[in-house]
Amino acid sequence: MIRKELKPSIDNLKEANDRTELFHDFIVNYIIHHPVYKLDKEYSKYIDDALESLEKGQEIISKKLKERND
């Protein structure tokens, strides 16, 4: 089976970038600022990992958007 590389449209990339930013901001505003997050490091490391992954994903999406716009 041959795997085709999908090429999302610029609008799809913009939407993905926007949603990634939305989730990132939601986590920061409603979880990171919550007192339990600051007190319980056992689970906060997983939240930190999730944020790092969202940031990396957004970086990749932004790079693809820039390449398409050049």
PDB file of N, CA and C in Angstrom:
ATOM      1  N   MET A   1       0.840  -1.183   0.000  1.00  0.00           N
ATOM      2  CA  MET A   1       0.000   0.000   0.000  1.00  0.00           C
ATOM      3  C   MET A   1       0.885   1.246   0.000  1.00  0.00           C
ATOM      4  N   ILE A   2       0.624   2.144  -0.908  1.00  0.00           N
ATOM      5  CA  ILE A   2       1.390   3.380  -1.013  1.00  0.00           C
ATOM      6  C   ILE A   2       0.709   4.444  -0.169  1.00  0.00           C
ATOM      7  N   ARG A   3       1.513   5.093   0.660  1.00  0.00           N
ATOM      8  CA  ARG A   3       0.980   6.135   1.525  1.00  0.00           C
ATOM      9  C   ARG A   3       1.172   7.492   0.863  1.00  0.00           C
ATOM     10  N   LYS A   4       0.080   8.210   0.693  1.00  0.00           N
ATOM     11  CA  LYS A   4       0.144   9.538   0.093  1.00  0.00           C
ATOM     12  C   LYS A   4       0.356  10.582   1.186  1.00  0.00           C
ATOM     13  N   GLU A   5       1.154  11.589   0.859  1.00  0.00           N
ATOM     14  CA  GLU A   5       1.347  12.687   1.790  1.00  0.00           C
ATOM     15  C   GLU A   5       0.203  13.678   1.580  1.00  0.00           C
ATOM     16  N   LEU A   6      -0.483  13.977   2.664  1.00  0.00           N
ATOM     17  CA  LEU A   6      -1.588  14.934   2.587  1.00  0.00           C
ATOM     18  C   LEU A   6      -1.044  16.349   2.617  1.00  0.00           C
ATOM     19  N   LYS A   7      -1.642  17.194   1.830  1.00  0.00           N
ATOM     20  CA  LYS A   7      -1.238  18.598   1.794  1.00  0.00           C
ATOM     21  C   LYS A   7      -2.444  19.441   2.202  1.00  0.00           C
ATOM     22  N   PRO A   8      -2.533  19.779   3.499  1.00  0.00           N
ATOM     23  CA  PRO A   8      -3.663  20.589   3.941  1.00  0.00           C
ATOM     24  C   PRO A   8      -3.607  21.987   3.321  1.00  0.00           C
ATOM     25  N   SER A   9      -4.777  22.552   3.146  1.00  0.00           N
ATOM     26  CA  SER A   9      -4.842  23.898   2.577  1.00  0.00           C
ATOM     27  C   SER A   9      -4.316  24.909   3.588  1.00  0.00           C
ATOM     28  N   ILE A  10      -4.049  26.102   3.110  1.00  0.00           N
ATOM     29  CA  ILE A  10      -3.589  27.173   3.997  1.00  0.00           C
ATOM     30  C   ILE A  10      -4.644  27.455   5.059  1.00  0.00           C
ATOM     31  N   ASP A  11      -5.911  27.416   4.681  1.00  0.00           N
ATOM     32  CA  ASP A  11      -6.981  27.632   5.664  1.00  0.00           C
ATOM     33  C   ASP A  11      -6.982  26.553   6.736  1.00  0.00           C
ATOM     34  N   ASN A  12      -6.737  25.293   6.338  1.00  0.00           N
ATOM     35  CA  ASN A  12      -6.647  24.207   7.316  1.00  0.00           C
ATOM     36  C   ASN A  12      -5.480  24.420   8.265  1.00  0.00           C
ATOM     37  N   LEU A  13      -4.351  24.857   7.736  1.00  0.00           N
ATOM     38  CA  LEU A  13      -3.189  25.121   8.576  1.00  0.00           C
ATOM     39  C   LEU A  13      -3.446  26.273   9.538  1.00  0.00           C
ATOM     40  N   LYS A  14      -4.096  27.328   9.051  1.00  0.00           N
ATOM     41  CA  LYS A  14      -4.427  28.463   9.925  1.00  0.00           C
ATOM     42  C   LYS A  14      -5.370  28.028  11.043  1.00  0.00           C
ATOM     43  N   GLU A  15      -6.342  27.207  10.693  1.00  0.00           N
ATOM     44  CA  GLU A  15      -7.294  26.709  11.679  1.00  0.00           C
ATOM     45  C   GLU A  15      -6.587  25.832  12.713  1.00  0.00           C
ATOM     46  N   ALA A  16      -5.713  24.954  12.262  1.00  0.00           N
ATOM     47  CA  ALA A  16      -4.970  24.089  13.180  1.00  0.00           C
ATOM     48  C   ALA A  16      -4.078  24.922  14.100  1.00  0.00           C
ATOM     49  N   ASN A  17      -3.445  25.936  13.545  1.00  0.00           N
ATOM     50  CA  ASN A  17      -2.592  26.830  14.327  1.00  0.00           C
ATOM     51  C   ASN A  17      -3.421  27.554  15.388  1.00  0.00           C
ATOM     52  N   ASP A  18      -4.579  28.043  14.990  1.00  0.00           N
ATOM     53  CA  ASP A  18      -5.468  28.756  15.907  1.00  0.00           C
ATOM     54  C   ASP A  18      -5.949  27.842  17.034  1.00  0.00           C
ATOM     55  N   ARG A  19      -6.340  26.630  16.696  1.00  0.00           N
ATOM     56  CA  ARG A  19      -6.850  25.693  17.708  1.00  0.00           C
ATOM     57  C   ARG A  19      -5.748  25.243  18.659  1.00  0.00           C
ATOM     58  N   THR A  20      -4.552  25.063  18.141  1.00  0.00           N
ATOM     59  CA  THR A  20      -3.430  24.698  18.996  1.00  0.00           C
ATOM     60  C   THR A  20      -3.159  25.806  20.003  1.00  0.00           C
ATOM     61  N   GLU A  21      -3.184  27.038  19.529  1.00  0.00           N
ATOM     62  CA  GLU A  21      -2.984  28.189  20.416  1.00  0.00           C
ATOM     63  C   GLU A  21      -4.112  28.280  21.449  1.00  0.00           C
ATOM     64  N   LEU A  22      -5.333  28.000  21.017  1.00  0.00           N
ATOM     65  CA  LEU A  22      -6.483  28.040  21.915  1.00  0.00           C
ATOM     66  C   LEU A  22      -6.332  27.030  23.055  1.00  0.00           C
ATOM     67  N   PHE A  23      -5.968  25.783  22.716  1.00  0.00           N
ATOM     68  CA  PHE A  23      -5.769  24.761  23.750  1.00  0.00           C
ATOM     69  C   PHE A  23      -4.623  25.140  24.687  1.00  0.00           C
ATOM     70  N   HIS A  24      -3.547  25.644  24.122  1.00  0.00           N
ATOM     71  CA  HIS A  24      -2.400  26.065  24.933  1.00  0.00           C
ATOM     72  C   HIS A  24      -2.831  27.133  25.931  1.00  0.00           C
ATOM     73  N   ASP A  25      -3.510  28.160  25.447  1.00  0.00           N
ATOM     74  CA  ASP A  25      -3.946  29.253  26.325  1.00  0.00           C
ATOM     75  C   ASP A  25      -4.935  28.769  27.381  1.00  0.00           C
ATOM     76  N   PHE A  26      -5.813  27.846  27.001  1.00  0.00           N
ATOM     77  CA  PHE A  26      -6.768  27.294  27.955  1.00  0.00           C
ATOM     78  C   PHE A  26      -6.038  26.588  29.096  1.00  0.00           C
ATOM     79  N   ILE A  27      -5.057  25.766  28.752  1.00  0.00           N
ATOM     80  CA  ILE A  27      -4.294  25.052  29.780  1.00  0.00           C
ATOM     81  C   ILE A  27      -3.565  26.032  30.694  1.00  0.00           C
ATOM     82  N   VAL A  28      -2.953  27.032  30.117  1.00  0.00           N
ATOM     83  CA  VAL A  28      -2.234  28.018  30.926  1.00  0.00           C
ATOM     84  C   VAL A  28      -3.199  28.769  31.842  1.00  0.00           C
ATOM     85  N   ASN A  29      -4.301  29.248  31.296  1.00  0.00           N
ATOM     86  CA  ASN A  29      -5.222  30.084  32.069  1.00  0.00           C
ATOM     87  C   ASN A  29      -6.023  29.322  33.121  1.00  0.00           C
ATOM     88  N   TYR A  30      -6.381  28.087  32.839  1.00  0.00           N
ATOM     89  CA  TYR A  30      -7.284  27.378  33.743  1.00  0.00           C
ATOM     90  C   TYR A  30      -6.650  26.230  34.515  1.00  0.00           C
ATOM     91  N   ILE A  31      -5.473  25.788  34.119  1.00  0.00           N
ATOM     92  CA  ILE A  31      -4.834  24.688  34.847  1.00  0.00           C
ATOM     93  C   ILE A  31      -3.543  25.161  35.519  1.00  0.00           C
ATOM     94  N   ILE A  32      -2.681  25.802  34.765  1.00  0.00           N
ATOM     95  CA  ILE A  32      -1.400  26.247  35.320  1.00  0.00           C
ATOM     96  C   ILE A  32      -1.619  27.235  36.467  1.00  0.00           C
ATOM     97  N   HIS A  33      -2.616  28.076  36.353  1.00  0.00           N
ATOM     98  CA  HIS A  33      -2.873  29.080  37.381  1.00  0.00           C
ATOM     99  C   HIS A  33      -3.702  28.535  38.541  1.00  0.00           C
ATOM    100  N   HIS A  34      -4.080  27.283  38.460  1.00  0.00           N
ATOM    101  CA  HIS A  34      -4.868  26.667  39.531  1.00  0.00           C
ATOM    102  C   HIS A  34      -3.933  26.282  40.683  1.00  0.00           C
ATOM    103  N   PRO A  35      -4.351  26.516  41.940  1.00  0.00           N
ATOM    104  CA  PRO A  35      -3.474  26.220  43.081  1.00  0.00           C
ATOM    105  C   PRO A  35      -3.035  24.754  43.172  1.00  0.00           C
ATOM    106  N   VAL A  36      -3.886  23.820  42.783  1.00  0.00           N
ATOM    107  CA  VAL A  36      -3.522  22.409  42.875  1.00  0.00           C
ATOM    108  C   VAL A  36      -2.338  22.100  41.965  1.00  0.00           C
ATOM    109  N   TYR A  37      -2.315  22.708  40.789  1.00  0.00           N
ATOM    110  CA  TYR A  37      -1.202  22.504  39.861  1.00  0.00           C
ATOM    111  C   TYR A  37       0.110  22.899  40.531  1.00  0.00           C
ATOM    112  N   LYS A  38       0.076  24.014  41.239  1.00  0.00           N
ATOM    113  CA  LYS A  38       1.295  24.514  41.879  1.00  0.00           C
ATOM    114  C   LYS A  38       1.717  23.650  43.063  1.00  0.00           C
ATOM    115  N   LEU A  39       0.775  22.983  43.692  1.00  0.00           N
ATOM    116  CA  LEU A  39       1.071  22.205  44.892  1.00  0.00           C
ATOM    117  C   LEU A  39       1.383  20.737  44.622  1.00  0.00           C
ATOM    118  N   ASP A  40       0.861  20.183  43.555  1.00  0.00           N
ATOM    119  CA  ASP A  40       1.013  18.747  43.302  1.00  0.00           C
ATOM    120  C   ASP A  40       1.883  18.514  42.064  1.00  0.00           C
ATOM    121  N   LYS A  41       3.167  18.322  42.291  1.00  0.00           N
ATOM    122  CA  LYS A  41       4.110  18.157  41.179  1.00  0.00           C
ATOM    123  C   LYS A  41       4.018  16.772  40.536  1.00  0.00           C
ATOM    124  N   GLU A  42       3.316  15.839  41.206  1.00  0.00           N
ATOM    125  CA  GLU A  42       3.197  14.487  40.653  1.00  0.00           C
ATOM    126  C   GLU A  42       2.486  14.498  39.308  1.00  0.00           C
ATOM    127  N   TYR A  43       1.459  15.300  39.186  1.00  0.00           N
ATOM    128  CA  TYR A  43       0.752  15.335  37.899  1.00  0.00           C
ATOM    129  C   TYR A  43       1.089  16.568  37.075  1.00  0.00           C
ATOM    130  N   SER A  44       1.629  17.609  37.698  1.00  0.00           N
ATOM    131  CA  SER A  44       1.925  18.830  36.938  1.00  0.00           C
ATOM    132  C   SER A  44       2.974  18.599  35.858  1.00  0.00           C
ATOM    133  N   LYS A  45       3.846  17.602  36.056  1.00  0.00           N
ATOM    134  CA  LYS A  45       4.856  17.321  35.025  1.00  0.00           C
ATOM    135  C   LYS A  45       4.202  16.863  33.729  1.00  0.00           C
ATOM    136  N   TYR A  46       3.067  16.169  33.824  1.00  0.00           N
ATOM    137  CA  TYR A  46       2.355  15.731  32.619  1.00  0.00           C
ATOM    138  C   TYR A  46       1.698  16.909  31.909  1.00  0.00           C
ATOM    139  N   ILE A  47       1.216  17.852  32.691  1.00  0.00           N
ATOM    140  CA  ILE A  47       0.640  19.073  32.108  1.00  0.00           C
ATOM    141  C   ILE A  47       1.747  19.848  31.389  1.00  0.00           C
ATOM    142  N   ASP A  48       2.911  19.936  32.013  1.00  0.00           N
ATOM    143  CA  ASP A  48       4.044  20.620  31.389  1.00  0.00           C
ATOM    144  C   ASP A  48       4.441  19.938  30.074  1.00  0.00           C
ATOM    145  N   ASP A  49       4.437  18.603  30.077  1.00  0.00           N
ATOM    146  CA  ASP A  49       4.747  17.861  28.848  1.00  0.00           C
ATOM    147  C   ASP A  49       3.727  18.158  27.751  1.00  0.00           C
ATOM    148  N   ALA A  50       2.454  18.244  28.134  1.00  0.00           N
ATOM    149  CA  ALA A  50       1.396  18.549  27.168  1.00  0.00           C
ATOM    150  C   ALA A  50       1.610  19.937  26.572  1.00  0.00           C
ATOM    151  N   LEU A  51       1.952  20.902  27.409  1.00  0.00           N
ATOM    152  CA  LEU A  51       2.204  22.252  26.911  1.00  0.00           C
ATOM    153  C   LEU A  51       3.389  22.281  25.946  1.00  0.00           C
ATOM    154  N   GLU A  52       4.438  21.570  26.303  1.00  0.00           N
ATOM    155  CA  GLU A  52       5.615  21.511  25.415  1.00  0.00           C
ATOM    156  C   GLU A  52       5.253  20.891  24.070  1.00  0.00           C
ATOM    157  N   SER A  53       4.422  19.864  24.097  1.00  0.00           N
ATOM    158  CA  SER A  53       4.001  19.215  22.853  1.00  0.00           C
ATOM    159  C   SER A  53       3.141  20.146  22.015  1.00  0.00           C
ATOM    160  N   LEU A  54       2.237  20.881  22.649  1.00  0.00           N
ATOM    161  CA  LEU A  54       1.415  21.848  21.908  1.00  0.00           C
ATOM    162  C   LEU A  54       2.288  22.934  21.296  1.00  0.00           C
ATOM    163  N   GLU A  55       3.280  23.404  22.042  1.00  0.00           N
ATOM    164  CA  GLU A  55       4.182  24.431  21.521  1.00  0.00           C
ATOM    165  C   GLU A  55       4.974  23.905  20.319  1.00  0.00           C
ATOM    166  N   LYS A  56       5.428  22.671  20.409  1.00  0.00           N
ATOM    167  CA  LYS A  56       6.173  22.066  19.297  1.00  0.00           C
ATOM    168  C   LYS A  56       5.269  21.896  18.075  1.00  0.00           C
ATOM    169  N   GLY A  57       4.044  21.434  18.319  1.00  0.00           N
ATOM    170  CA  GLY A  57       3.088  21.284  17.228  1.00  0.00           C
ATOM    171  C   GLY A  57       2.786  22.612  16.553  1.00  0.00           C
ATOM    172  N   GLN A  58       2.595  23.639  17.363  1.00  0.00           N
ATOM    173  CA  GLN A  58       2.306  24.952  16.794  1.00  0.00           C
ATOM    174  C   GLN A  58       3.507  25.485  16.012  1.00  0.00           C
ATOM    175  N   GLU A  59       4.695  25.200  16.497  1.00  0.00           N
ATOM    176  CA  GLU A  59       5.909  25.613  15.785  1.00  0.00           C
ATOM    177  C   GLU A  59       5.973  24.964  14.399  1.00  0.00           C
ATOM    178  N   ILE A  60       5.653  23.678  14.329  1.00  0.00           N
ATOM    179  CA  ILE A  60       5.676  22.953  13.055  1.00  0.00           C
ATOM    180  C   ILE A  60       4.605  23.490  12.106  1.00  0.00           C
ATOM    181  N   ILE A  61       3.407  23.711  12.625  1.00  0.00           N
ATOM    182  CA  ILE A  61       2.314  24.243  11.805  1.00  0.00           C
ATOM    183  C   ILE A  61       2.680  25.628  11.279  1.00  0.00           C
ATOM    184  N   SER A  62       3.225  26.471  12.155  1.00  0.00           N
ATOM    185  CA  SER A  62       3.616  27.826  11.745  1.00  0.00           C
ATOM    186  C   SER A  62       4.683  27.790  10.660  1.00  0.00           C
ATOM    187  N   LYS A  63       5.617  26.848  10.788  1.00  0.00           N
ATOM    188  CA  LYS A  63       6.669  26.706   9.780  1.00  0.00           C
ATOM    189  C   LYS A  63       6.062  26.326   8.431  1.00  0.00           C
ATOM    190  N   LYS A  64       5.105  25.394   8.433  1.00  0.00           N
ATOM    191  CA  LYS A  64       4.462  24.989   7.185  1.00  0.00           C
ATOM    192  C   LYS A  64       3.671  26.144   6.574  1.00  0.00           C
ATOM    193  N   LEU A  65       3.021  26.937   7.427  1.00  0.00           N
ATOM    194  CA  LEU A  65       2.295  28.108   6.935  1.00  0.00           C
ATOM    195  C   LEU A  65       3.247  29.095   6.275  1.00  0.00           C
ATOM    196  N   LYS A  66       4.376  29.339   6.922  1.00  0.00           N
ATOM    197  CA  LYS A  66       5.364  30.274   6.383  1.00  0.00           C
ATOM    198  C   LYS A  66       5.900  29.773   5.044  1.00  0.00           C
ATOM    199  N   GLU A  67       6.186  28.464   4.965  1.00  0.00           N
ATOM    200  CA  GLU A  67       6.686  27.902   3.709  1.00  0.00           C
ATOM    201  C   GLU A  67       5.674  28.063   2.578  1.00  0.00           C
ATOM    202  N   ARG A  68       4.409  27.894   2.906  1.00  0.00           N
ATOM    203  CA  ARG A  68       3.353  28.011   1.887  1.00  0.00           C
ATOM    204  C   ARG A  68       3.152  29.449   1.441  1.00  0.00           C
ATOM    205  N   ASN A  69       3.385  30.399   2.354  1.00  0.00           N
ATOM    206  CA  ASN A  69       3.169  31.805   2.030  1.00  0.00           C
ATOM    207  C   ASN A  69       4.354  32.433   1.304  1.00  0.00           C
ATOM    208  N   ASP A  70       5.508  31.775   1.340  1.00  0.00           N
ATOM    209  CA  ASP A  70       6.704  32.327   0.669  1.00  0.00           C
ATOM    210  C   ASP A  70       6.681  32.046  -0.812  1.00  0.00           C
TER     211      ASP A  70
END
